[in-house]
Amino acid sequence: MVTKKVKIFGRVQGVGFRHYTKQNAARLNIRGWVKNMPDGTVEALLAGDEENVEEMLEKLESGPVPARVDRMEVDEANPDTLPDAFSVKR
């Protein structure tokens, strides 16, 4: 299992990005969370099988149709505080 923390820059708030992320996480059996940040970015914590996390990162790079992803920062993360499922944080 791998765990990644992702920060997504671009037009990613108000375009269904968190819902899109949650749907794809469920399909790929990813645990973690996604949330809007005050600076206009979206952050996510993703944990799962390496190939599923890589596919999830590809999905996040393109985002939902109305979104525009300018860039992503991806870092290793600590898996100790993972939820049992995937959630949208407010």
PDB file of N, CA and C in Angstrom:
ATOM      1  N   MET A   1       0.844  -1.180   0.000  1.00  0.00           N
ATOM      2  CA  MET A   1       0.000   0.000   0.000  1.00  0.00           C
ATOM      3  C   MET A   1       0.889   1.243   0.000  1.00  0.00           C
ATOM      4  N   VAL A   2       0.476   2.264  -0.756  1.00  0.00           N
ATOM      5  CA  VAL A   2       1.165   3.548  -0.792  1.00  0.00           C
ATOM      6  C   VAL A   2       0.200   4.635  -0.345  1.00  0.00           C
ATOM      7  N   THR A   3       0.764   5.704   0.187  1.00  0.00           N
ATOM      8  CA  THR A   3      -0.032   6.844   0.632  1.00  0.00           C
ATOM      9  C   THR A   3       0.593   8.114   0.076  1.00  0.00           C
ATOM     10  N   LYS A   4      -0.224   8.934  -0.566  1.00  0.00           N
ATOM     11  CA  LYS A   4       0.241  10.175  -1.191  1.00  0.00           C
ATOM     12  C   LYS A   4      -0.630  11.341  -0.735  1.00  0.00           C
ATOM     13  N   LYS A   5       0.024  12.477  -0.529  1.00  0.00           N
ATOM     14  CA  LYS A   5      -0.698  13.725  -0.287  1.00  0.00           C
ATOM     15  C   LYS A   5      -0.548  14.564  -1.551  1.00  0.00           C
ATOM     16  N   VAL A   6      -1.663  15.085  -2.028  1.00  0.00           N
ATOM     17  CA  VAL A   6      -1.690  15.788  -3.310  1.00  0.00           C
ATOM     18  C   VAL A   6      -2.265  17.184  -3.111  1.00  0.00           C
ATOM     19  N   LYS A   7      -1.626  18.166  -3.719  1.00  0.00           N
ATOM     20  CA  LYS A   7      -2.168  19.526  -3.766  1.00  0.00           C
ATOM     21  C   LYS A   7      -2.377  19.865  -5.234  1.00  0.00           C
ATOM     22  N   ILE A   8      -3.610  20.265  -5.577  1.00  0.00           N
ATOM     23  CA  ILE A   8      -3.991  20.485  -6.961  1.00  0.00           C
ATOM     24  C   ILE A   8      -4.273  21.972  -7.168  1.00  0.00           C
ATOM     25  N   PHE A   9      -3.624  22.547  -8.169  1.00  0.00           N
ATOM     26  CA  PHE A   9      -3.724  23.970  -8.478  1.00  0.00           C
ATOM     27  C   PHE A   9      -4.482  24.157  -9.790  1.00  0.00           C
ATOM     28  N   GLY A  10      -5.201  25.256  -9.905  1.00  0.00           N
ATOM     29  CA  GLY A  10      -5.930  25.584 -11.134  1.00  0.00           C
ATOM     30  C   GLY A  10      -7.346  26.002 -10.794  1.00  0.00           C
ATOM     31  N   ARG A  11      -8.254  25.804 -11.737  1.00  0.00           N
ATOM     32  CA  ARG A  11      -9.679  26.053 -11.467  1.00  0.00           C
ATOM     33  C   ARG A  11     -10.253  24.743 -10.958  1.00  0.00           C
ATOM     34  N   VAL A  12     -10.155  24.538  -9.650  1.00  0.00           N
ATOM     35  CA  VAL A  12     -10.506  23.243  -9.068  1.00  0.00           C
ATOM     36  C   VAL A  12     -11.548  23.340  -7.957  1.00  0.00           C
ATOM     37  N   GLN A  13     -12.007  24.550  -7.661  1.00  0.00           N
ATOM     38  CA  GLN A  13     -13.095  24.717  -6.691  1.00  0.00           C
ATOM     39  C   GLN A  13     -14.336  25.214  -7.413  1.00  0.00           C
ATOM     40  N   GLY A  14     -15.496  24.729  -6.968  1.00  0.00           N
ATOM     41  CA  GLY A  14     -16.751  25.142  -7.577  1.00  0.00           C
ATOM     42  C   GLY A  14     -17.036  24.455  -8.903  1.00  0.00           C
ATOM     43  N   VAL A  15     -16.306  23.377  -9.192  1.00  0.00           N
ATOM     44  CA  VAL A  15     -16.469  22.661 -10.468  1.00  0.00           C
ATOM     45  C   VAL A  15     -16.728  21.166 -10.259  1.00  0.00           C
ATOM     46  N   GLY A  16     -17.073  20.763  -9.020  1.00  0.00           N
ATOM     47  CA  GLY A  16     -17.359  19.355  -8.742  1.00  0.00           C
ATOM     48  C   GLY A  16     -16.129  18.500  -8.536  1.00  0.00           C
ATOM     49  N   PHE A  17     -14.992  19.123  -8.249  1.00  0.00           N
ATOM     50  CA  PHE A  17     -13.739  18.369  -8.144  1.00  0.00           C
ATOM     51  C   PHE A  17     -13.750  17.386  -6.974  1.00  0.00           C
ATOM     52  N   ARG A  18     -14.287  17.796  -5.824  1.00  0.00           N
ATOM     53  CA  ARG A  18     -14.310  16.887  -4.669  1.00  0.00           C
ATOM     54  C   ARG A  18     -15.229  15.699  -4.933  1.00  0.00           C
ATOM     55  N   HIS A  19     -16.383  15.943  -5.514  1.00  0.00           N
ATOM     56  CA  HIS A  19     -17.309  14.854  -5.836  1.00  0.00           C
ATOM     57  C   HIS A  19     -16.669  13.895  -6.843  1.00  0.00           C
ATOM     58  N   TYR A  20     -16.042  14.438  -7.869  1.00  0.00           N
ATOM     59  CA  TYR A  20     -15.334  13.646  -8.883  1.00  0.00           C
ATOM     60  C   TYR A  20     -14.259  12.775  -8.224  1.00  0.00           C
ATOM     61  N   THR A  21     -13.520  13.362  -7.283  1.00  0.00           N
ATOM     62  CA  THR A  21     -12.459  12.630  -6.594  1.00  0.00           C
ATOM     63  C   THR A  21     -13.046  11.497  -5.767  1.00  0.00           C
ATOM     64  N   LYS A  22     -14.121  11.768  -5.039  1.00  0.00           N
ATOM     65  CA  LYS A  22     -14.745  10.737  -4.210  1.00  0.00           C
ATOM     66  C   LYS A  22     -15.274   9.581  -5.066  1.00  0.00           C
ATOM     67  N   GLN A  23     -15.902   9.885  -6.189  1.00  0.00           N
ATOM     68  CA  GLN A  23     -16.415   8.831  -7.073  1.00  0.00           C
ATOM     69  C   GLN A  23     -15.282   7.933  -7.579  1.00  0.00           C
ATOM     70  N   ASN A  24     -14.198   8.540  -8.020  1.00  0.00           N
ATOM     71  CA  ASN A  24     -13.076   7.759  -8.529  1.00  0.00           C
ATOM     72  C   ASN A  24     -12.382   6.977  -7.426  1.00  0.00           C
ATOM     73  N   ALA A  25     -12.303   7.550  -6.236  1.00  0.00           N
ATOM     74  CA  ALA A  25     -11.704   6.840  -5.101  1.00  0.00           C
ATOM     75  C   ALA A  25     -12.501   5.572  -4.778  1.00  0.00           C
ATOM     76  N   ALA A  26     -13.821   5.669  -4.801  1.00  0.00           N
ATOM     77  CA  ALA A  26     -14.661   4.502  -4.527  1.00  0.00           C
ATOM     78  C   ALA A  26     -14.433   3.421  -5.579  1.00  0.00           C
ATOM     79  N   ARG A  27     -14.354   3.831  -6.833  1.00  0.00           N
ATOM     80  CA  ARG A  27     -14.159   2.874  -7.920  1.00  0.00           C
ATOM     81  C   ARG A  27     -12.789   2.186  -7.833  1.00  0.00           C
ATOM     82  N   LEU A  28     -11.782   2.909  -7.345  1.00  0.00           N
ATOM     83  CA  LEU A  28     -10.416   2.379  -7.295  1.00  0.00           C
ATOM     84  C   LEU A  28     -10.026   1.834  -5.923  1.00  0.00           C
ATOM     85  N   ASN A  29     -10.985   1.785  -4.994  1.00  0.00           N
ATOM     86  CA  ASN A  29     -10.727   1.263  -3.652  1.00  0.00           C
ATOM     87  C   ASN A  29      -9.625   2.056  -2.943  1.00  0.00           C
ATOM     88  N   ILE A  30      -9.742   3.379  -3.023  1.00  0.00           N
ATOM     89  CA  ILE A  30      -8.786   4.296  -2.394  1.00  0.00           C
ATOM     90  C   ILE A  30      -9.388   4.806  -1.093  1.00  0.00           C
ATOM     91  N   ARG A  31      -8.584   4.838  -0.046  1.00  0.00           N
ATOM     92  CA  ARG A  31      -8.997   5.445   1.221  1.00  0.00           C
ATOM     93  C   ARG A  31      -8.359   6.818   1.326  1.00  0.00           C
ATOM     94  N   GLY A  32      -8.956   7.688   2.155  1.00  0.00           N
ATOM     95  CA  GLY A  32      -8.377   9.001   2.370  1.00  0.00           C
ATOM     96  C   GLY A  32      -9.428  10.079   2.415  1.00  0.00           C
ATOM     97  N   TRP A  33      -9.084  11.259   1.910  1.00  0.00           N
ATOM     98  CA  TRP A  33     -10.000  12.395   1.941  1.00  0.00           C
ATOM     99  C   TRP A  33      -9.625  13.410   0.868  1.00  0.00           C
ATOM    100  N   VAL A  34     -10.544  14.348   0.629  1.00  0.00           N
ATOM    101  CA  VAL A  34     -10.322  15.473  -0.276  1.00  0.00           C
ATOM    102  C   VAL A  34     -10.982  16.695   0.341  1.00  0.00           C
ATOM    103  N   LYS A  35     -10.338  17.874   0.186  1.00  0.00           N
ATOM    104  CA  LYS A  35     -10.945  19.085   0.731  1.00  0.00           C
ATOM    105  C   LYS A  35     -10.487  20.317  -0.036  1.00  0.00           C
ATOM    106  N   ASN A  36     -11.361  21.339  -0.054  1.00  0.00           N
ATOM    107  CA  ASN A  36     -11.021  22.644  -0.604  1.00  0.00           C
ATOM    108  C   ASN A  36     -10.163  23.381   0.416  1.00  0.00           C
ATOM    109  N   MET A  37      -9.195  24.131  -0.073  1.00  0.00           N
ATOM    110  CA  MET A  37      -8.317  24.911   0.789  1.00  0.00           C
ATOM    111  C   MET A  37      -8.619  26.397   0.614  1.00  0.00           C
ATOM    112  N   PRO A  38      -8.346  27.210   1.641  1.00  0.00           N
ATOM    113  CA  PRO A  38      -8.634  28.647   1.558  1.00  0.00           C
ATOM    114  C   PRO A  38      -7.899  29.356   0.417  1.00  0.00           C
ATOM    115  N   ASP A  39      -6.775  28.818  -0.042  1.00  0.00           N
ATOM    116  CA  ASP A  39      -6.006  29.469  -1.114  1.00  0.00           C
ATOM    117  C   ASP A  39      -6.506  29.128  -2.516  1.00  0.00           C
ATOM    118  N   GLY A  40      -7.636  28.385  -2.617  1.00  0.00           N
ATOM    119  CA  GLY A  40      -8.210  28.053  -3.924  1.00  0.00           C
ATOM    120  C   GLY A  40      -7.747  26.723  -4.490  1.00  0.00           C
ATOM    121  N   THR A  41      -6.872  26.035  -3.789  1.00  0.00           N
ATOM    122  CA  THR A  41      -6.428  24.716  -4.228  1.00  0.00           C
ATOM    123  C   THR A  41      -7.324  23.641  -3.634  1.00  0.00           C
ATOM    124  N   VAL A  42      -7.087  22.410  -4.058  1.00  0.00           N
ATOM    125  CA  VAL A  42      -7.723  21.241  -3.462  1.00  0.00           C
ATOM    126  C   VAL A  42      -6.612  20.332  -2.972  1.00  0.00           C
ATOM    127  N   GLU A  43      -6.774  19.796  -1.761  1.00  0.00           N
ATOM    128  CA  GLU A  43      -5.821  18.822  -1.234  1.00  0.00           C
ATOM    129  C   GLU A  43      -6.514  17.488  -1.077  1.00  0.00           C
ATOM    130  N   ALA A  44      -5.730  16.419  -1.258  1.00  0.00           N
ATOM    131  CA  ALA A  44      -6.262  15.076  -1.093  1.00  0.00           C
ATOM    132  C   ALA A  44      -5.199  14.182  -0.465  1.00  0.00           C
ATOM    133  N   LEU A  45      -5.663  13.220   0.308  1.00  0.00           N
ATOM    134  CA  LEU A  45      -4.823  12.163   0.838  1.00  0.00           C
ATOM    135  C   LEU A  45      -5.338  10.870   0.229  1.00  0.00           C
ATOM    136  N   LEU A  46      -4.461  10.135  -0.437  1.00  0.00           N
ATOM    137  CA  LEU A  46      -4.845   8.937  -1.164  1.00  0.00           C
ATOM    138  C   LEU A  46      -4.035   7.750  -0.658  1.00  0.00           C
ATOM    139  N   ALA A  47      -4.698   6.655  -0.347  1.00  0.00           N
ATOM    140  CA  ALA A  47      -3.992   5.451   0.079  1.00  0.00           C
ATOM    141  C   ALA A  47      -4.649   4.239  -0.572  1.00  0.00           C
ATOM    142  N   GLY A  48      -3.809   3.332  -1.074  1.00  0.00           N
ATOM    143  CA  GLY A  48      -4.313   2.122  -1.705  1.00  0.00           C
ATOM    144  C   GLY A  48      -3.191   1.394  -2.397  1.00  0.00           C
ATOM    145  N   ASP A  49      -3.549   0.407  -3.194  1.00  0.00           N
ATOM    146  CA  ASP A  49      -2.553  -0.314  -3.987  1.00  0.00           C
ATOM    147  C   ASP A  49      -1.850   0.671  -4.909  1.00  0.00           C
ATOM    148  N   GLU A  50      -0.576   0.452  -5.143  1.00  0.00           N
ATOM    149  CA  GLU A  50       0.223   1.404  -5.915  1.00  0.00           C
ATOM    150  C   GLU A  50      -0.375   1.704  -7.286  1.00  0.00           C
ATOM    151  N   GLU A  51      -0.811   0.678  -8.003  1.00  0.00           N
ATOM    152  CA  GLU A  51      -1.344   0.945  -9.348  1.00  0.00           C
ATOM    153  C   GLU A  51      -2.666   1.709  -9.285  1.00  0.00           C
ATOM    154  N   ASN A  52      -3.481   1.475  -8.261  1.00  0.00           N
ATOM    155  CA  ASN A  52      -4.734   2.228  -8.117  1.00  0.00           C
ATOM    156  C   ASN A  52      -4.468   3.690  -7.761  1.00  0.00           C
ATOM    157  N   VAL A  53      -3.487   3.929  -6.887  1.00  0.00           N
ATOM    158  CA  VAL A  53      -3.142   5.309  -6.541  1.00  0.00           C
ATOM    159  C   VAL A  53      -2.588   6.029  -7.769  1.00  0.00           C
ATOM    160  N   GLU A  54      -1.769   5.343  -8.560  1.00  0.00           N
ATOM    161  CA  GLU A  54      -1.239   5.962  -9.787  1.00  0.00           C
ATOM    162  C   GLU A  54      -2.364   6.297 -10.758  1.00  0.00           C
ATOM    163  N   GLU A  55      -3.336   5.399 -10.904  1.00  0.00           N
ATOM    164  CA  GLU A  55      -4.478   5.686 -11.778  1.00  0.00           C
ATOM    165  C   GLU A  55      -5.292   6.864 -11.237  1.00  0.00           C
ATOM    166  N   MET A  56      -5.432   6.926  -9.918  1.00  0.00           N
ATOM    167  CA  MET A  56      -6.152   8.035  -9.298  1.00  0.00           C
ATOM    168  C   MET A  56      -5.435   9.357  -9.564  1.00  0.00           C
ATOM    169  N   LEU A  57      -4.115   9.364  -9.479  1.00  0.00           N
ATOM    170  CA  LEU A  57      -3.357  10.580  -9.771  1.00  0.00           C
ATOM    171  C   LEU A  57      -3.570  11.025 -11.215  1.00  0.00           C
ATOM    172  N   GLU A  58      -3.646  10.070 -12.142  1.00  0.00           N
ATOM    173  CA  GLU A  58      -3.931  10.409 -13.544  1.00  0.00           C
ATOM    174  C   GLU A  58      -5.317  11.034 -13.673  1.00  0.00           C
ATOM    175  N   LYS A  59      -6.294  10.484 -12.951  1.00  0.00           N
ATOM    176  CA  LYS A  59      -7.653  11.036 -12.987  1.00  0.00           C
ATOM    177  C   LYS A  59      -7.659  12.464 -12.443  1.00  0.00           C
ATOM    178  N   LEU A  60      -6.922  12.695 -11.357  1.00  0.00           N
ATOM    179  CA  LEU A  60      -6.884  14.030 -10.768  1.00  0.00           C
ATOM    180  C   LEU A  60      -6.198  15.027 -11.686  1.00  0.00           C
ATOM    181  N   GLU A  61      -5.221  14.575 -12.453  1.00  0.00           N
ATOM    182  CA  GLU A  61      -4.537  15.476 -13.394  1.00  0.00           C
ATOM    183  C   GLU A  61      -5.471  16.042 -14.440  1.00  0.00           C
ATOM    184  N   SER A  62      -6.453  15.249 -14.863  1.00  0.00           N
ATOM    185  CA  SER A  62      -7.400  15.745 -15.857  1.00  0.00           C
ATOM    186  C   SER A  62      -8.608  16.398 -15.191  1.00  0.00           C
ATOM    187  N   GLY A  63      -9.052  15.887 -14.051  1.00  0.00           N
ATOM    188  CA  GLY A  63     -10.184  16.453 -13.326  1.00  0.00           C
ATOM    189  C   GLY A  63     -11.497  16.303 -14.069  1.00  0.00           C
ATOM    190  N   PRO A  64     -12.595  16.786 -13.472  1.00  0.00           N
ATOM    191  CA  PRO A  64     -13.890  16.746 -14.150  1.00  0.00           C
ATOM    192  C   PRO A  64     -13.910  17.772 -15.287  1.00  0.00           C
ATOM    193  N   VAL A  65     -14.864  17.650 -16.167  1.00  0.00           N
ATOM    194  CA  VAL A  65     -14.917  18.472 -17.379  1.00  0.00           C
ATOM    195  C   VAL A  65     -14.801  19.978 -17.118  1.00  0.00           C
ATOM    196  N   PRO A  66     -15.518  20.579 -16.161  1.00  0.00           N
ATOM    197  CA  PRO A  66     -15.390  22.034 -16.029  1.00  0.00           C
ATOM    198  C   PRO A  66     -14.098  22.504 -15.349  1.00  0.00           C
ATOM    199  N   ALA A  67     -13.312  21.594 -14.808  1.00  0.00           N
ATOM    200  CA  ALA A  67     -12.091  21.969 -14.083  1.00  0.00           C
ATOM    201  C   ALA A  67     -10.932  22.221 -15.047  1.00  0.00           C
ATOM    202  N   ARG A  68      -9.921  22.922 -14.520  1.00  0.00           N
ATOM    203  CA  ARG A  68      -8.661  23.084 -15.238  1.00  0.00           C
ATOM    204  C   ARG A  68      -7.537  22.881 -14.222  1.00  0.00           C
ATOM    205  N   VAL A  69      -6.779  21.819 -14.389  1.00  0.00           N
ATOM    206  CA  VAL A  69      -5.669  21.539 -13.487  1.00  0.00           C
ATOM    207  C   VAL A  69      -4.399  22.111 -14.107  1.00  0.00           C
ATOM    208  N   ASP A  70      -3.796  23.080 -13.413  1.00  0.00           N
ATOM    209  CA  ASP A  70      -2.559  23.692 -13.894  1.00  0.00           C
ATOM    210  C   ASP A  70      -1.337  22.883 -13.480  1.00  0.00           C
ATOM    211  N   ARG A  71      -1.364  22.390 -12.239  1.00  0.00           N
ATOM    212  CA  ARG A  71      -0.268  21.541 -11.773  1.00  0.00           C
ATOM    213  C   ARG A  71      -0.673  20.825 -10.497  1.00  0.00           C
ATOM    214  N   MET A  72       0.100  19.797 -10.162  1.00  0.00           N
ATOM    215  CA  MET A  72      -0.125  19.044  -8.933  1.00  0.00           C
ATOM    216  C   MET A  72       1.207  18.848  -8.223  1.00  0.00           C
ATOM    217  N   GLU A  73       1.166  18.926  -6.905  1.00  0.00           N
ATOM    218  CA  GLU A  73       2.307  18.573  -6.077  1.00  0.00           C
ATOM    219  C   GLU A  73       1.950  17.272  -5.373  1.00  0.00           C
ATOM    220  N   VAL A  74       2.800  16.263  -5.514  1.00  0.00           N
ATOM    221  CA  VAL A  74       2.538  14.946  -4.931  1.00  0.00           C
ATOM    222  C   VAL A  74       3.697  14.586  -4.017  1.00  0.00           C
ATOM    223  N   ASP A  75       3.367  14.245  -2.769  1.00  0.00           N
ATOM    224  CA  ASP A  75       4.371  13.866  -1.782  1.00  0.00           C
ATOM    225  C   ASP A  75       3.963  12.575  -1.092  1.00  0.00           C
ATOM    226  N   GLU A  76       4.954  11.867  -0.564  1.00  0.00           N
ATOM    227  CA  GLU A  76       4.677  10.702   0.271  1.00  0.00           C
ATOM    228  C   GLU A  76       3.979  11.199   1.534  1.00  0.00           C
ATOM    229  N   ALA A  77       3.114  10.375   2.109  1.00  0.00           N
ATOM    230  CA  ALA A  77       2.386  10.766   3.314  1.00  0.00           C
ATOM    231  C   ALA A  77       2.399   9.634   4.327  1.00  0.00           C
ATOM    232  N   ASN A  78       2.111   9.986   5.545  1.00  0.00           N
ATOM    233  CA  ASN A  78       2.062   9.034   6.644  1.00  0.00           C
ATOM    234  C   ASN A  78       0.711   8.315   6.642  1.00  0.00           C
ATOM    235  N   PRO A  79       0.682   7.000   6.545  1.00  0.00           N
ATOM    236  CA  PRO A  79      -0.584   6.271   6.489  1.00  0.00           C
ATOM    237  C   PRO A  79      -1.230   6.037   7.853  1.00  0.00           C
ATOM    238  N   ASP A  80      -0.641   6.529   8.933  1.00  0.00           N
ATOM    239  CA  ASP A  80      -1.134   6.215  10.277  1.00  0.00           C
ATOM    240  C   ASP A  80      -2.503   6.786  10.603  1.00  0.00           C
ATOM    241  N   THR A  81      -2.903   7.860   9.966  1.00  0.00           N
ATOM    242  CA  THR A  81      -4.159   8.522  10.322  1.00  0.00           C
ATOM    243  C   THR A  81      -5.221   8.390   9.238  1.00  0.00           C
ATOM    244  N   LEU A  82      -5.209   7.299   8.513  1.00  0.00           N
ATOM    245  CA  LEU A  82      -6.166   7.118   7.412  1.00  0.00           C
ATOM    246  C   LEU A  82      -7.544   6.721   7.908  1.00  0.00           C
ATOM    247  N   PRO A  83      -8.587   7.295   7.315  1.00  0.00           N
ATOM    248  CA  PRO A  83      -9.930   6.816   7.607  1.00  0.00           C
ATOM    249  C   PRO A  83     -10.162   5.449   6.944  1.00  0.00           C
ATOM    250  N   ASP A  84     -11.242   4.789   7.327  1.00  0.00           N
ATOM    251  CA  ASP A  84     -11.557   3.470   6.766  1.00  0.00           C
ATOM    252  C   ASP A  84     -12.109   3.559   5.350  1.00  0.00           C
ATOM    253  N   ALA A  85     -12.568   4.732   4.964  1.00  0.00           N
ATOM    254  CA  ALA A  85     -13.161   4.928   3.638  1.00  0.00           C
ATOM    255  C   ALA A  85     -12.624   6.242   3.080  1.00  0.00           C
ATOM    256  N   PHE A  86     -13.252   6.752   2.024  1.00  0.00           N
ATOM    257  CA  PHE A  86     -12.864   8.029   1.436  1.00  0.00           C
ATOM    258  C   PHE A  86     -13.926   9.059   1.787  1.00  0.00           C
ATOM    259  N   SER A  87     -13.499  10.242   2.205  1.00  0.00           N
ATOM    260  CA  SER A  87     -14.460  11.256   2.606  1.00  0.00           C
ATOM    261  C   SER A  87     -14.144  12.601   1.989  1.00  0.00           C
ATOM    262  N   VAL A  88     -15.170  13.447   1.948  1.00  0.00           N
ATOM    263  CA  VAL A  88     -15.020  14.842   1.536  1.00  0.00           C
ATOM    264  C   VAL A  88     -15.002  15.644   2.819  1.00  0.00           C
ATOM    265  N   LYS A  89     -13.906  16.352   3.058  1.00  0.00           N
ATOM    266  CA  LYS A  89     -13.795  17.195   4.246  1.00  0.00           C
ATOM    267  C   LYS A  89     -14.280  18.597   3.916  1.00  0.00           C
ATOM    268  N   ARG A  90     -14.856  19.244   4.883  1.00  0.00           N
ATOM    269  CA  ARG A  90     -15.345  20.626   4.707  1.00  0.00           C
ATOM    270  C   ARG A  90     -14.455  21.587   5.437  1.00  0.00           C
TER     271      ARG A  90
END
